[in-house]
Amino acid sequence: MNITEIHNSAAIGWRWNNGHGATYEIVWIRGATRLRFGVKPEKTGEWVTVVMDETRWSCDGTEHGARACAHEFIATC
């Protein structure tokens, strides 16, 4: 699976495709402990996003922690 990491001054995102027409993304706002998950189906082309379950998919508020959590989630896909 090819994961693209996207950086800007406020956030980092990890984006990948499932090979069946959908694009997925996890976004971490710098300093936050929560991550957001989004999916963009090819048919609609519109992002649907949710805050990920904090009891399972939260991080320590660091870039390293967010990256580790995102990659752990992606491995389950």
N, C-alpha and C. Protein backbone atom coordinates (compact mmCIF):
# COMPACT_ATOMS: atom_id res chain seq x y z
N MET A 1 0.85 -1.17 0.00
CA MET A 1 0.00 0.00 0.00
C MET A 1 0.90 1.23 0.00
N ASN A 2 0.59 2.17 -0.86
CA ASN A 2 1.36 3.40 -0.96
C ASN A 2 0.69 4.48 -0.11
N ILE A 3 1.38 4.96 0.91
CA ILE A 3 0.87 5.99 1.81
C ILE A 3 1.62 7.28 1.53
N THR A 4 0.87 8.34 1.29
CA THR A 4 1.46 9.66 1.08
C THR A 4 1.30 10.48 2.34
N GLU A 5 2.40 11.06 2.83
CA GLU A 5 2.35 11.91 4.01
C GLU A 5 2.35 13.36 3.54
N ILE A 6 1.39 14.14 4.01
CA ILE A 6 1.22 15.53 3.60
C ILE A 6 1.41 16.42 4.82
N HIS A 7 2.29 17.42 4.70
CA HIS A 7 2.58 18.33 5.81
C HIS A 7 2.14 19.74 5.48
N ASN A 8 1.66 20.47 6.49
CA ASN A 8 1.56 21.92 6.42
C ASN A 8 1.81 22.44 7.83
N SER A 9 1.74 23.74 8.02
CA SER A 9 2.10 24.31 9.32
C SER A 9 1.13 23.93 10.43
N ALA A 10 -0.09 23.52 10.09
CA ALA A 10 -1.10 23.23 11.10
C ALA A 10 -1.37 21.74 11.30
N ALA A 11 -1.02 20.91 10.31
CA ALA A 11 -1.44 19.51 10.38
C ALA A 11 -0.54 18.62 9.54
N ILE A 12 -0.70 17.31 9.77
CA ILE A 12 -0.07 16.29 8.95
C ILE A 12 -1.18 15.31 8.56
N GLY A 13 -1.14 14.85 7.32
CA GLY A 13 -2.11 13.87 6.86
C GLY A 13 -1.43 12.69 6.22
N TRP A 14 -2.09 11.54 6.27
CA TRP A 14 -1.61 10.32 5.63
C TRP A 14 -2.73 9.84 4.71
N ARG A 15 -2.44 9.74 3.42
CA ARG A 15 -3.47 9.41 2.43
C ARG A 15 -3.08 8.16 1.66
N TRP A 16 -4.08 7.32 1.38
CA TRP A 16 -3.85 6.11 0.60
C TRP A 16 -5.14 5.74 -0.13
N ASN A 17 -5.01 4.87 -1.12
CA ASN A 17 -6.15 4.36 -1.90
C ASN A 17 -6.34 2.89 -1.60
N ASN A 18 -7.57 2.43 -1.72
CA ASN A 18 -7.83 1.02 -1.45
C ASN A 18 -7.79 0.16 -2.71
N GLY A 19 -7.58 0.77 -3.86
CA GLY A 19 -7.54 0.02 -5.10
C GLY A 19 -8.91 -0.29 -5.68
N HIS A 20 -9.97 0.15 -4.99
CA HIS A 20 -11.33 -0.08 -5.46
C HIS A 20 -12.08 1.23 -5.65
N GLY A 21 -11.36 2.33 -5.79
CA GLY A 21 -12.01 3.60 -6.09
C GLY A 21 -12.22 4.55 -4.93
N ALA A 22 -11.76 4.24 -3.74
CA ALA A 22 -11.91 5.15 -2.61
C ALA A 22 -10.54 5.65 -2.16
N THR A 23 -10.51 6.88 -1.69
CA THR A 23 -9.31 7.47 -1.11
C THR A 23 -9.57 7.65 0.38
N TYR A 24 -8.57 7.33 1.21
CA TYR A 24 -8.68 7.45 2.66
C TYR A 24 -7.63 8.42 3.16
N GLU A 25 -7.93 9.06 4.29
CA GLU A 25 -6.96 9.98 4.87
C GLU A 25 -7.14 10.04 6.38
N ILE A 26 -6.03 10.09 7.08
CA ILE A 26 -6.02 10.39 8.51
C ILE A 26 -5.32 11.73 8.66
N VAL A 27 -5.92 12.62 9.46
CA VAL A 27 -5.35 13.95 9.67
C VAL A 27 -5.12 14.16 11.15
N TRP A 28 -3.96 14.69 11.47
CA TRP A 28 -3.61 15.05 12.84
C TRP A 28 -3.33 16.54 12.88
N ILE A 29 -4.06 17.27 13.71
CA ILE A 29 -3.81 18.69 13.94
C ILE A 29 -2.67 18.78 14.94
N ARG A 30 -1.64 19.52 14.61
CA ARG A 30 -0.44 19.58 15.48
C ARG A 30 -0.82 19.90 16.92
N GLY A 31 -0.31 19.10 17.85
CA GLY A 31 -0.54 19.28 19.28
C GLY A 31 -1.77 18.56 19.82
N ALA A 32 -2.63 18.06 18.94
CA ALA A 32 -3.86 17.39 19.38
C ALA A 32 -3.57 15.93 19.72
N THR A 33 -4.46 15.34 20.49
CA THR A 33 -4.35 13.92 20.79
C THR A 33 -5.32 13.10 19.95
N ARG A 34 -6.26 13.78 19.30
CA ARG A 34 -7.24 13.11 18.45
C ARG A 34 -6.80 13.11 16.99
N LEU A 35 -7.23 12.11 16.28
CA LEU A 35 -7.00 12.05 14.84
C LEU A 35 -8.36 12.02 14.15
N ARG A 36 -8.39 12.51 12.92
CA ARG A 36 -9.61 12.46 12.11
C ARG A 36 -9.39 11.49 10.97
N PHE A 37 -10.46 10.77 10.62
CA PHE A 37 -10.41 9.82 9.52
C PHE A 37 -11.40 10.28 8.46
N GLY A 38 -10.97 10.21 7.22
CA GLY A 38 -11.85 10.59 6.13
C GLY A 38 -11.80 9.57 5.00
N VAL A 39 -12.91 9.50 4.28
CA VAL A 39 -12.99 8.65 3.09
C VAL A 39 -13.66 9.45 1.99
N LYS A 40 -13.13 9.30 0.79
CA LYS A 40 -13.71 9.97 -0.38
C LYS A 40 -13.99 8.92 -1.44
N PRO A 41 -15.26 8.46 -1.54
CA PRO A 41 -15.61 7.48 -2.56
C PRO A 41 -15.47 8.10 -3.95
N GLU A 42 -15.01 7.31 -4.88
CA GLU A 42 -14.83 7.80 -6.24
C GLU A 42 -16.15 8.28 -6.84
N LYS A 43 -17.24 7.59 -6.54
CA LYS A 43 -18.54 7.92 -7.13
C LYS A 43 -19.03 9.31 -6.74
N THR A 44 -18.90 9.68 -5.46
CA THR A 44 -19.41 10.98 -5.02
C THR A 44 -18.34 12.06 -5.07
N GLY A 45 -17.10 11.69 -4.84
CA GLY A 45 -16.01 12.66 -4.84
C GLY A 45 -16.03 13.62 -3.67
N GLU A 46 -16.84 13.33 -2.66
CA GLU A 46 -16.95 14.20 -1.49
C GLU A 46 -16.39 13.50 -0.26
N TRP A 47 -15.59 14.25 0.53
CA TRP A 47 -15.01 13.70 1.75
C TRP A 47 -16.07 13.55 2.83
N VAL A 48 -16.03 12.44 3.54
CA VAL A 48 -16.82 12.22 4.75
C VAL A 48 -15.79 11.99 5.85
N THR A 49 -15.85 12.80 6.93
CA THR A 49 -14.84 12.69 7.98
C THR A 49 -15.49 12.49 9.35
N VAL A 50 -14.74 11.84 10.21
CA VAL A 50 -15.16 11.62 11.60
C VAL A 50 -13.92 11.72 12.49
N VAL A 51 -14.16 12.02 13.77
CA VAL A 51 -13.08 11.94 14.75
C VAL A 51 -12.95 10.47 15.10
N MET A 52 -11.73 9.98 15.08
CA MET A 52 -11.50 8.56 15.38
C MET A 52 -11.75 8.28 16.85
N ASP A 53 -12.13 7.07 17.17
CA ASP A 53 -12.42 6.65 18.54
C ASP A 53 -11.20 6.89 19.43
N GLU A 54 -11.36 7.82 20.37
CA GLU A 54 -10.24 8.19 21.24
C GLU A 54 -9.80 7.09 22.18
N THR A 55 -10.68 6.15 22.48
CA THR A 55 -10.29 5.07 23.38
C THR A 55 -9.32 4.11 22.72
N ARG A 56 -9.28 4.12 21.39
CA ARG A 56 -8.38 3.21 20.67
C ARG A 56 -7.35 3.94 19.82
N TRP A 57 -7.75 5.05 19.19
CA TRP A 57 -6.89 5.71 18.21
C TRP A 57 -6.57 7.14 18.61
N SER A 58 -5.93 7.30 19.76
CA SER A 58 -5.46 8.63 20.16
C SER A 58 -3.94 8.57 20.30
N CYS A 59 -3.33 9.73 20.32
CA CYS A 59 -1.87 9.78 20.41
C CYS A 59 -1.46 10.71 21.55
N ASP A 60 -0.17 10.85 21.72
CA ASP A 60 0.36 11.65 22.83
C ASP A 60 0.51 13.13 22.49
N GLY A 61 0.02 13.56 21.34
CA GLY A 61 0.11 14.98 20.96
C GLY A 61 1.38 15.36 20.24
N THR A 62 2.22 14.36 19.93
CA THR A 62 3.45 14.64 19.20
C THR A 62 3.36 14.11 17.77
N GLU A 63 4.19 14.64 16.90
CA GLU A 63 4.21 14.18 15.51
C GLU A 63 4.57 12.69 15.45
N HIS A 64 5.54 12.29 16.23
CA HIS A 64 5.95 10.89 16.26
C HIS A 64 4.79 9.99 16.70
N GLY A 65 4.10 10.38 17.77
CA GLY A 65 2.98 9.59 18.27
C GLY A 65 1.83 9.52 17.28
N ALA A 66 1.54 10.63 16.62
CA ALA A 66 0.47 10.66 15.61
C ALA A 66 0.82 9.76 14.44
N ARG A 67 2.05 9.83 13.98
CA ARG A 67 2.49 8.99 12.85
C ARG A 67 2.38 7.51 13.21
N ALA A 68 2.82 7.15 14.41
CA ALA A 68 2.76 5.76 14.84
C ALA A 68 1.31 5.28 14.91
N CYS A 69 0.42 6.09 15.44
CA CYS A 69 -0.99 5.73 15.55
C CYS A 69 -1.61 5.60 14.17
N ALA A 70 -1.33 6.56 13.28
CA ALA A 70 -1.88 6.51 11.91
C ALA A 70 -1.42 5.25 11.19
N HIS A 71 -0.14 4.94 11.28
CA HIS A 71 0.37 3.76 10.58
C HIS A 71 -0.17 2.46 11.20
N GLU A 72 -0.40 2.47 12.50
CA GLU A 72 -0.99 1.28 13.12
C GLU A 72 -2.41 1.07 12.60
N PHE A 73 -3.19 2.17 12.49
CA PHE A 73 -4.53 2.06 11.96
C PHE A 73 -4.52 1.60 10.51
N ILE A 74 -3.67 2.20 9.70
CA ILE A 74 -3.60 1.85 8.28
C ILE A 74 -3.27 0.37 8.10
N ALA A 75 -2.43 -0.17 8.97
CA ALA A 75 -2.08 -1.60 8.89
C ALA A 75 -3.28 -2.51 9.09
N THR A 76 -4.35 -2.00 9.74
CA THR A 76 -5.54 -2.80 9.96
C THR A 76 -6.50 -2.77 8.78
N CYS A 77 -6.23 -1.91 7.83
CA CYS A 77 -7.14 -1.75 6.67
C CYS A 77 -6.90 -2.80 5.61
